[in-house]
Amino acid sequence: MNPRHARYPFFAAAREAVRESGVDLAALVAEGDPAVERGRERIERALTEGTVDPADPREWSDRDNLLSYPVARILVSLLDSHAAVEKYAEAEARTAYRRFTEDLERDPDARPDPARVDRDDLLREFDLDGAVRVEDPKPGQPAGKWLWLGVGAYLSYVDPKWGDDWRLVNRELVAGEVRTEREELYRLLREAVGDRVAEGLPFEGVSDDLADELEAEIGDLRDLLADRSVRSDIEVVDPDYFPPCIARLLERARAGEELDPHGRFSLLAFLAGLNLEADEAVALSGLDPELVADRFGYLRDESGAQYPPPSCRTLGEYGLCDNARNHRSVAPHPLEYYSRKIREADDVTDWRDRENPDADGAPA
C-alpha cells in the first residue's frame, strides 16, 4: 500500500490503485470493514469539524484511509444534499491544503518520506506543471517566493469572493502570465482539490442493497444534517438563559478544561448561532483565539451562522446533555430553547453591555 495514496486519496494514482486492487466496496460494507467506519467518520468530521482527519490517526491503517474515500463518496451521495457535498468537498480541500503545505515547506534535507508530495507532482496532478514558472529571485529575496502562472490556469480556480486583490486588473499580467506569490498558488491548489472532490457528487446508481447495508451510517449523518436546519436571527446574548447543556460547556471552557471535539463544536456552533464575532466568542468562552477564528470561518458564511449546534437529542448521544430540568420539554434544540427563554424574560441584559457598558456593547 502506497502511503501517499492514503494521504491524498483523490489523486488519480490513488483512484487507479483502488480499481486495480479489485476491492469490492459492496463486500466491504457487508463485512463491516474498518474502512466503512472510517468513511462515516470522514463525513461526520467534515460536517462538524471542517476536516477529514481522523480523530485518532493510530486507529486506522493506510488501507483504511484510502478505501474510506470511495466509501465516503457513496455516503455523501446517499445523503443527496447539496450542503453535505459542499461541506465535504471543502473539508477534503482544507485537510489536503494543510498536508501539502507541510510537504512543500518541509526541510529539503529531511529524510525522504514516500507519503509526502513534492511541488512538481502536485502541479502535474492538476495539469498545472506547464503553467507555472518560478521567477528568478532578486538580490536578498528568497528563492521561490514569486511565480508566474498562466492566466487560464489562474482564472480556472480563482473565486470572485476572495476579494479585489485577486482580480486581474489588480495583478501583474505579462505575456499571458499572472505574477503570483507561492502561498497564493497553494490557495489555488486548495480550490483545485475541492473541485476534484466535488466533481460528480452526488452520483446516482448506488444499488438498493448497498444503500440498505449503509442505512445505520446514513441515519447518523442525516441526523447531523437535520440538526443544521435551524437558522438564527438572535441579536441579544445573555448566558443566564443558555440551555443547561450549553451552559455547562461554557462553564467548563471558562475554567480552562479541554473539551472533546463534540463539546467544542457544540459550544462554538451555539455561539456562532448567536451571531457573535470570533473575538467576542473568545472573550465569552476563554477558548483559544486561533481555534475559534478557524472554526468560525467554517461555521459561518456571509449570511451569519451556517451550521447551528446539534439538537439536544444528539447532544445526549454525545454524553453532553442529560435533559437537566427537563429543558427539552421547552424546546428540542439549544438555539430554539434560548430564543424562547429570551422572549419570555422580563429583563435581559446583553452580555456585551454587561461586560463593558461604555464601549457600545463591545466586550472588554
Protein backbone atom coordinates (compact mmCIF):
# COMPACT_ATOMS: atom_id res chain seq x y z
CA MET A 1 0.00 0.00 0.00
CA ASN A 2 1.47 3.35 -1.09
CA PRO A 3 1.16 5.72 1.92
CA ARG A 4 0.81 8.70 -0.44
CA HIS A 5 -2.42 7.17 -1.76
CA ALA A 6 -3.81 7.18 1.77
CA ARG A 7 -2.68 10.77 2.35
CA TYR A 8 -4.08 12.01 -0.98
CA PRO A 9 -6.85 9.56 -1.94
CA PHE A 10 -8.30 11.90 -4.58
CA PHE A 11 -5.11 11.70 -6.68
CA ALA A 12 -5.57 9.88 -9.98
CA ALA A 13 -2.95 7.28 -8.98
CA ALA A 14 -4.80 6.54 -5.74
CA ARG A 15 -8.09 6.02 -7.54
CA GLU A 16 -6.35 3.77 -10.06
CA ALA A 17 -4.79 1.78 -7.22
CA VAL A 18 -8.25 1.14 -5.77
CA ARG A 19 -9.53 -0.01 -9.15
CA GLU A 20 -6.55 -2.29 -9.74
CA SER A 21 -6.85 -3.84 -6.28
CA GLY A 22 -10.17 -5.38 -7.24
CA VAL A 23 -11.69 -4.38 -3.91
CA ASP A 24 -15.46 -4.88 -3.87
CA LEU A 25 -16.93 -1.93 -1.94
CA ALA A 26 -20.24 -3.73 -1.51
CA ALA A 27 -18.40 -6.64 0.12
CA LEU A 28 -16.50 -4.22 2.39
CA VAL A 29 -19.78 -2.75 3.58
CA ALA A 30 -21.44 -6.14 4.06
CA GLU A 31 -18.47 -7.38 6.10
CA GLY A 32 -18.29 -4.26 8.26
CA ASP A 33 -14.74 -3.48 7.12
CA PRO A 34 -12.96 -0.76 9.15
CA ALA A 35 -12.83 1.41 6.01
CA VAL A 36 -16.62 1.80 6.24
CA GLU A 37 -16.46 3.26 9.75
CA ARG A 38 -13.56 5.46 8.70
CA GLY A 39 -15.63 6.66 5.72
CA ARG A 40 -18.53 7.54 8.03
CA GLU A 41 -16.11 9.37 10.32
CA ARG A 42 -14.73 11.19 7.29
CA ILE A 43 -18.17 12.66 6.54
CA GLU A 44 -19.07 13.32 10.19
CA ARG A 45 -15.88 15.27 10.85
CA ALA A 46 -16.35 17.15 7.58
CA LEU A 47 -19.78 18.30 8.76
CA THR A 48 -18.81 19.09 12.33
CA GLU A 49 -15.10 19.96 12.31
CA GLY A 50 -14.28 21.07 8.79
CA THR A 51 -11.64 18.36 8.41
CA VAL A 52 -11.46 14.74 7.29
CA ASP A 53 -8.50 13.94 9.52
CA PRO A 54 -9.29 11.02 11.85
CA ALA A 55 -9.91 11.78 15.50
CA ASP A 56 -7.28 9.14 16.35
CA PRO A 57 -4.83 8.54 13.48
CA ARG A 58 -3.43 5.46 15.22
CA GLU A 59 -6.78 3.71 14.85
CA TRP A 60 -6.61 3.43 11.06
CA SER A 61 -4.22 1.84 8.57
CA ASP A 62 -3.20 3.34 5.24
CA ARG A 63 -5.57 0.85 3.63
CA ASP A 64 -8.46 2.06 5.81
CA ASN A 65 -7.78 5.69 4.94
CA LEU A 66 -7.51 5.01 1.22
CA LEU A 67 -10.65 2.87 0.95
CA SER A 68 -12.60 5.22 3.20
CA TYR A 69 -12.53 7.83 0.42
CA PRO A 70 -14.72 5.95 -2.07
CA VAL A 71 -16.92 4.85 0.84
CA ALA A 72 -17.32 8.50 1.87
CA ARG A 73 -18.31 9.42 -1.68
CA ILE A 74 -21.02 6.76 -1.59
CA LEU A 75 -22.27 8.01 1.77
CA VAL A 76 -22.40 11.67 0.76
CA SER A 77 -24.19 10.68 -2.45
CA LEU A 78 -26.81 8.74 -0.50
CA LEU A 79 -27.37 11.82 1.68
CA ASP A 80 -28.38 13.60 -1.54
CA SER A 81 -27.75 17.04 -0.04
CA HIS A 82 -26.01 19.90 -1.82
CA ALA A 83 -24.94 21.32 1.55
CA ALA A 84 -23.38 18.00 2.56
CA VAL A 85 -21.45 17.73 -0.72
CA GLU A 86 -20.26 21.31 -0.40
CA LYS A 87 -19.06 20.89 3.17
CA TYR A 88 -17.48 17.52 2.47
CA ALA A 89 -15.51 18.81 -0.54
CA GLU A 90 -14.47 21.88 1.44
CA ALA A 91 -13.24 19.72 4.32
CA GLU A 92 -11.24 17.46 2.00
CA ALA A 93 -9.69 20.57 0.45
CA ARG A 94 -8.87 22.12 3.83
CA THR A 95 -7.22 18.92 5.00
CA ALA A 96 -5.28 18.46 1.77
CA TYR A 97 -4.15 22.12 1.88
CA ARG A 98 -2.69 21.63 5.33
CA ARG A 99 -0.99 18.42 4.26
CA PHE A 100 0.56 19.60 1.02
CA THR A 101 1.64 22.89 2.59
CA GLU A 102 3.52 20.85 5.22
CA ASP A 103 5.02 18.72 2.46
CA LEU A 104 6.14 21.59 0.26
CA GLU A 105 7.53 23.67 3.13
CA ARG A 106 9.39 20.71 4.61
CA ASP A 107 13.13 20.93 5.17
CA PRO A 108 14.69 19.76 1.88
CA ASP A 109 17.38 17.96 3.85
CA ALA A 110 14.86 15.93 5.86
CA ARG A 111 14.75 12.19 5.37
CA PRO A 112 12.65 11.19 2.32
CA ASP A 113 9.07 10.23 3.14
CA PRO A 114 7.08 8.30 0.49
CA ALA A 115 3.81 9.71 1.83
CA ARG A 116 4.87 13.28 1.04
CA VAL A 117 4.30 15.06 -2.24
CA ASP A 118 6.65 17.50 -3.99
CA ARG A 119 5.61 20.55 -5.97
CA ASP A 120 6.19 19.02 -9.39
CA ASP A 121 3.98 16.03 -8.58
CA LEU A 122 1.27 18.26 -7.15
CA LEU A 123 1.26 20.57 -10.16
CA ARG A 124 1.26 17.61 -12.53
CA GLU A 125 -1.75 16.14 -10.73
CA PHE A 126 -3.85 19.15 -11.70
CA ASP A 127 -2.29 19.68 -15.15
CA LEU A 128 -0.50 22.81 -13.96
CA ASP A 129 3.08 21.64 -14.46
CA GLY A 130 3.41 23.58 -17.71
CA ALA A 131 1.55 26.61 -16.39
CA VAL A 132 3.84 27.61 -13.52
CA ARG A 133 7.21 29.33 -13.90
CA VAL A 134 9.41 30.26 -10.95
CA GLU A 135 10.65 33.84 -11.04
CA ASP A 136 14.38 34.38 -10.71
CA PRO A 137 14.82 35.89 -7.23
CA LYS A 138 16.12 39.39 -6.82
CA PRO A 139 19.09 40.00 -4.50
CA GLY A 140 18.06 39.37 -0.90
CA GLN A 141 14.78 37.74 -1.95
CA PRO A 142 14.13 34.08 -1.02
CA ALA A 143 14.03 31.66 -3.92
CA GLY A 144 10.60 30.52 -5.00
CA LYS A 145 8.69 33.38 -3.37
CA TRP A 146 7.24 34.62 -6.67
CA LEU A 147 5.86 32.59 -9.57
CA TRP A 148 4.29 33.28 -12.93
CA LEU A 149 1.09 31.36 -13.58
CA GLY A 150 -0.69 31.04 -16.91
CA VAL A 151 -3.73 33.29 -16.93
CA GLY A 152 -6.05 30.44 -17.97
CA ALA A 153 -4.94 28.29 -15.04
CA TYR A 154 -5.24 31.29 -12.72
CA LEU A 155 -8.80 32.08 -13.76
CA SER A 156 -9.81 28.41 -13.53
CA TYR A 157 -9.51 28.39 -9.75
CA VAL A 158 -9.84 31.98 -8.51
CA ASP A 159 -13.08 32.59 -6.62
CA PRO A 160 -14.56 36.09 -7.09
CA LYS A 161 -15.47 36.12 -3.39
CA TRP A 162 -11.76 36.24 -2.47
CA GLY A 163 -11.69 40.00 -2.94
CA ASP A 164 -10.27 42.68 -5.20
CA ASP A 165 -6.64 41.62 -4.70
CA TRP A 166 -7.35 38.57 -6.88
CA ARG A 167 -8.92 40.47 -9.80
CA LEU A 168 -6.78 40.52 -12.92
CA VAL A 169 -6.93 44.31 -13.13
CA ASN A 170 -5.05 44.43 -9.83
CA ARG A 171 -2.38 41.86 -10.77
CA GLU A 172 0.81 41.98 -12.80
CA LEU A 173 -0.08 40.38 -16.12
CA VAL A 174 2.67 39.93 -18.71
CA ALA A 175 2.55 37.84 -21.87
CA GLY A 176 -0.38 35.74 -20.63
CA GLU A 177 1.11 35.07 -17.18
CA VAL A 178 -0.01 36.35 -13.78
CA ARG A 179 2.56 37.13 -11.08
CA THR A 180 1.62 35.08 -8.03
CA GLU A 181 3.10 34.51 -4.58
CA ARG A 182 3.87 30.95 -3.56
CA GLU A 183 1.22 31.00 -0.82
CA GLU A 184 -1.34 32.21 -3.37
CA LEU A 185 -0.54 29.22 -5.55
CA TYR A 186 -1.24 27.00 -2.56
CA ARG A 187 -4.66 28.57 -2.20
CA LEU A 188 -5.40 27.97 -5.87
CA LEU A 189 -4.35 24.34 -5.44
CA ARG A 190 -6.69 24.05 -2.48
CA GLU A 191 -9.51 25.19 -4.76
CA ALA A 192 -8.42 22.61 -7.34
CA VAL A 193 -8.69 19.87 -4.71
CA GLY A 194 -12.19 20.99 -3.74
CA ASP A 195 -13.28 20.94 -7.38
CA ARG A 196 -11.78 17.47 -7.86
CA VAL A 197 -13.55 16.06 -4.81
CA ALA A 198 -16.92 17.64 -5.62
CA GLU A 199 -16.84 16.50 -9.24
CA GLY A 200 -19.62 14.04 -9.92
CA LEU A 201 -21.21 14.31 -6.47
CA PRO A 202 -23.79 13.30 -5.60
CA PHE A 203 -23.81 10.42 -8.06
CA GLU A 204 -26.63 8.03 -8.83
CA GLY A 205 -26.51 4.30 -9.32
CA VAL A 206 -25.83 3.11 -5.76
CA SER A 207 -27.59 -0.23 -5.51
CA ASP A 208 -30.55 -0.65 -3.19
CA ASP A 209 -28.74 -3.48 -1.40
CA LEU A 210 -25.71 -1.28 -0.71
CA ALA A 211 -27.93 1.58 0.44
CA ASP A 212 -29.70 -0.80 2.82
CA GLU A 213 -26.38 -2.01 4.23
CA LEU A 214 -25.39 1.61 4.92
CA GLU A 215 -28.73 2.54 6.50
CA ALA A 216 -27.29 2.99 10.01
CA GLU A 217 -24.43 5.20 8.83
CA ILE A 218 -26.75 7.28 6.65
CA GLY A 219 -29.21 7.65 9.54
CA ASP A 220 -26.50 9.07 11.80
CA LEU A 221 -25.33 11.50 9.14
CA ARG A 222 -28.87 12.61 8.30
CA ASP A 223 -29.39 13.41 11.97
CA LEU A 224 -26.36 15.70 11.78
CA LEU A 225 -27.77 17.42 8.71
CA ALA A 226 -31.20 17.77 10.33
CA ASP A 227 -29.57 19.50 13.27
CA ARG A 228 -28.17 22.06 10.84
CA SER A 229 -31.58 23.09 9.54
CA VAL A 230 -32.13 25.60 12.37
CA ARG A 231 -31.41 29.23 11.50
CA SER A 232 -30.89 32.01 13.97
CA ASP A 233 -31.74 35.73 13.96
CA ILE A 234 -30.92 36.20 17.65
CA GLU A 235 -29.29 39.52 18.47
CA VAL A 236 -29.06 39.51 22.29
CA VAL A 237 -26.52 37.40 24.17
CA ASP A 238 -27.32 36.59 27.79
CA PRO A 239 -25.64 33.45 29.21
CA ASP A 240 -28.17 33.39 32.07
CA TYR A 241 -30.69 31.95 29.59
CA PHE A 242 -28.47 29.40 27.85
CA PRO A 243 -29.82 25.84 27.96
CA PRO A 244 -28.21 23.79 30.77
CA CYS A 245 -26.13 21.62 28.43
CA ILE A 246 -24.58 24.63 26.68
CA ALA A 247 -24.16 26.49 29.97
CA ARG A 248 -22.13 23.56 31.33
CA LEU A 249 -19.91 23.51 28.25
CA LEU A 250 -19.33 27.25 28.61
CA GLU A 251 -18.50 26.87 32.30
CA ARG A 252 -16.01 24.09 31.55
CA ALA A 253 -14.36 26.13 28.78
CA ARG A 254 -14.07 29.19 31.03
CA ALA A 255 -12.46 27.02 33.70
CA GLY A 256 -9.77 26.01 31.24
CA GLU A 257 -10.98 22.45 30.83
CA GLU A 258 -10.19 20.89 27.47
CA LEU A 259 -13.40 20.00 25.63
CA ASP A 260 -13.59 16.97 23.36
CA PRO A 261 -14.31 17.62 19.64
CA HIS A 262 -18.08 17.18 20.05
CA GLY A 263 -18.23 19.52 23.03
CA ARG A 264 -16.02 22.14 21.40
CA PHE A 265 -18.00 22.06 18.18
CA SER A 266 -21.35 22.24 20.01
CA LEU A 267 -20.31 25.26 22.08
CA LEU A 268 -18.74 27.17 19.19
CA ALA A 269 -21.65 26.42 16.86
CA PHE A 270 -24.04 27.75 19.51
CA LEU A 271 -22.00 30.95 19.93
CA ALA A 272 -21.82 31.38 16.16
CA GLY A 273 -25.60 30.87 16.10
CA LEU A 274 -25.92 33.88 18.40
CA ASN A 275 -24.17 35.92 15.67
CA LEU A 276 -21.16 36.65 17.86
CA GLU A 277 -17.93 37.67 16.18
CA ALA A 278 -14.93 35.40 16.73
CA ASP A 279 -13.24 37.82 19.15
CA GLU A 280 -16.45 38.10 21.16
CA ALA A 281 -16.72 34.30 21.34
CA VAL A 282 -13.14 34.18 22.63
CA ALA A 283 -13.92 36.80 25.29
CA LEU A 284 -17.02 34.91 26.40
CA SER A 285 -15.64 31.36 26.35
CA GLY A 286 -11.95 31.76 27.05
CA LEU A 287 -11.14 29.36 24.21
CA ASP A 288 -8.00 29.67 22.11
CA PRO A 289 -8.35 32.65 19.69
CA GLU A 290 -6.73 30.82 16.76
CA LEU A 291 -9.00 27.81 17.24
CA VAL A 292 -12.13 29.99 17.44
CA ALA A 293 -11.19 32.00 14.36
CA ASP A 294 -10.60 28.83 12.37
CA ARG A 295 -13.86 27.20 13.46
CA PHE A 296 -15.91 30.36 12.95
CA GLY A 297 -14.53 30.62 9.45
CA TYR A 298 -16.01 27.20 8.83
CA LEU A 299 -19.25 27.57 10.77
CA ARG A 300 -20.30 30.89 9.33
CA ASP A 301 -20.98 32.19 5.86
CA GLU A 302 -21.76 35.68 4.62
CA SER A 303 -25.30 35.46 5.98
CA GLY A 304 -24.25 34.56 9.52
CA ALA A 305 -24.37 31.22 11.28
CA GLN A 306 -24.43 28.48 8.69
CA TYR A 307 -24.29 25.43 10.95
CA PRO A 308 -26.19 25.66 14.27
CA PRO A 309 -25.26 23.31 17.12
CA PRO A 310 -26.60 19.75 17.33
CA SER A 311 -30.04 19.16 18.79
CA CYS A 312 -30.38 18.29 22.47
CA ARG A 313 -31.10 14.68 21.49
CA THR A 314 -27.82 14.48 19.56
CA LEU A 315 -26.01 16.19 22.42
CA GLY A 316 -27.43 13.47 24.65
CA GLU A 317 -25.95 10.82 22.38
CA TYR A 318 -22.60 12.60 22.73
CA GLY A 319 -22.96 12.46 26.51
CA LEU A 320 -23.26 16.25 26.71
CA CYS A 321 -26.96 16.64 27.54
CA ASP A 322 -28.84 14.80 30.30
CA ASN A 323 -32.03 16.86 29.88
CA ALA A 324 -31.41 18.73 33.12
CA ARG A 325 -34.54 20.41 34.47
CA ASN A 326 -36.43 18.70 31.63
CA HIS A 327 -35.37 21.53 29.33
CA ARG A 328 -36.12 19.52 26.20
CA SER A 329 -39.81 19.99 27.02
CA VAL A 330 -39.25 23.72 26.42
CA ALA A 331 -37.59 23.14 23.04
CA PRO A 332 -35.66 20.28 21.42
CA HIS A 333 -32.84 22.46 20.13
CA PRO A 334 -30.43 24.73 22.08
CA LEU A 335 -31.00 27.80 19.91
CA GLU A 336 -34.76 27.35 19.97
CA TYR A 337 -34.67 26.92 23.77
CA TYR A 338 -32.59 30.07 24.17
CA SER A 339 -34.81 32.08 21.82
CA ARG A 340 -37.95 31.11 23.76
CA LYS A 341 -36.36 31.89 27.13
CA ILE A 342 -35.25 35.31 25.89
CA ARG A 343 -38.75 36.10 24.61
CA GLU A 344 -40.28 35.07 27.94
CA ALA A 345 -37.80 37.01 30.09
CA ASP A 346 -38.80 40.30 31.70
CA ASP A 347 -35.32 41.78 31.92
CA VAL A 348 -32.50 40.71 29.62
CA THR A 349 -29.08 42.39 29.64
CA ASP A 350 -26.80 41.69 26.72
CA TRP A 351 -23.54 40.16 27.94
CA ARG A 352 -21.54 42.63 25.85
CA ASP A 353 -23.19 45.59 27.60
CA ARG A 354 -22.74 43.90 30.94
CA GLU A 355 -19.02 43.37 30.31
CA ASN A 356 -18.28 46.90 29.19
CA PRO A 357 -21.26 49.27 29.28
CA ASP A 358 -19.22 52.23 27.97
CA ALA A 359 -17.99 50.61 24.78
CA ASP A 360 -21.15 50.42 22.68
CA GLY A 361 -21.71 46.84 23.58
CA ALA A 362 -18.19 45.60 22.82
CA PRO A 363 -16.76 43.30 25.47
CA ALA A 364 -13.71 44.38 27.40
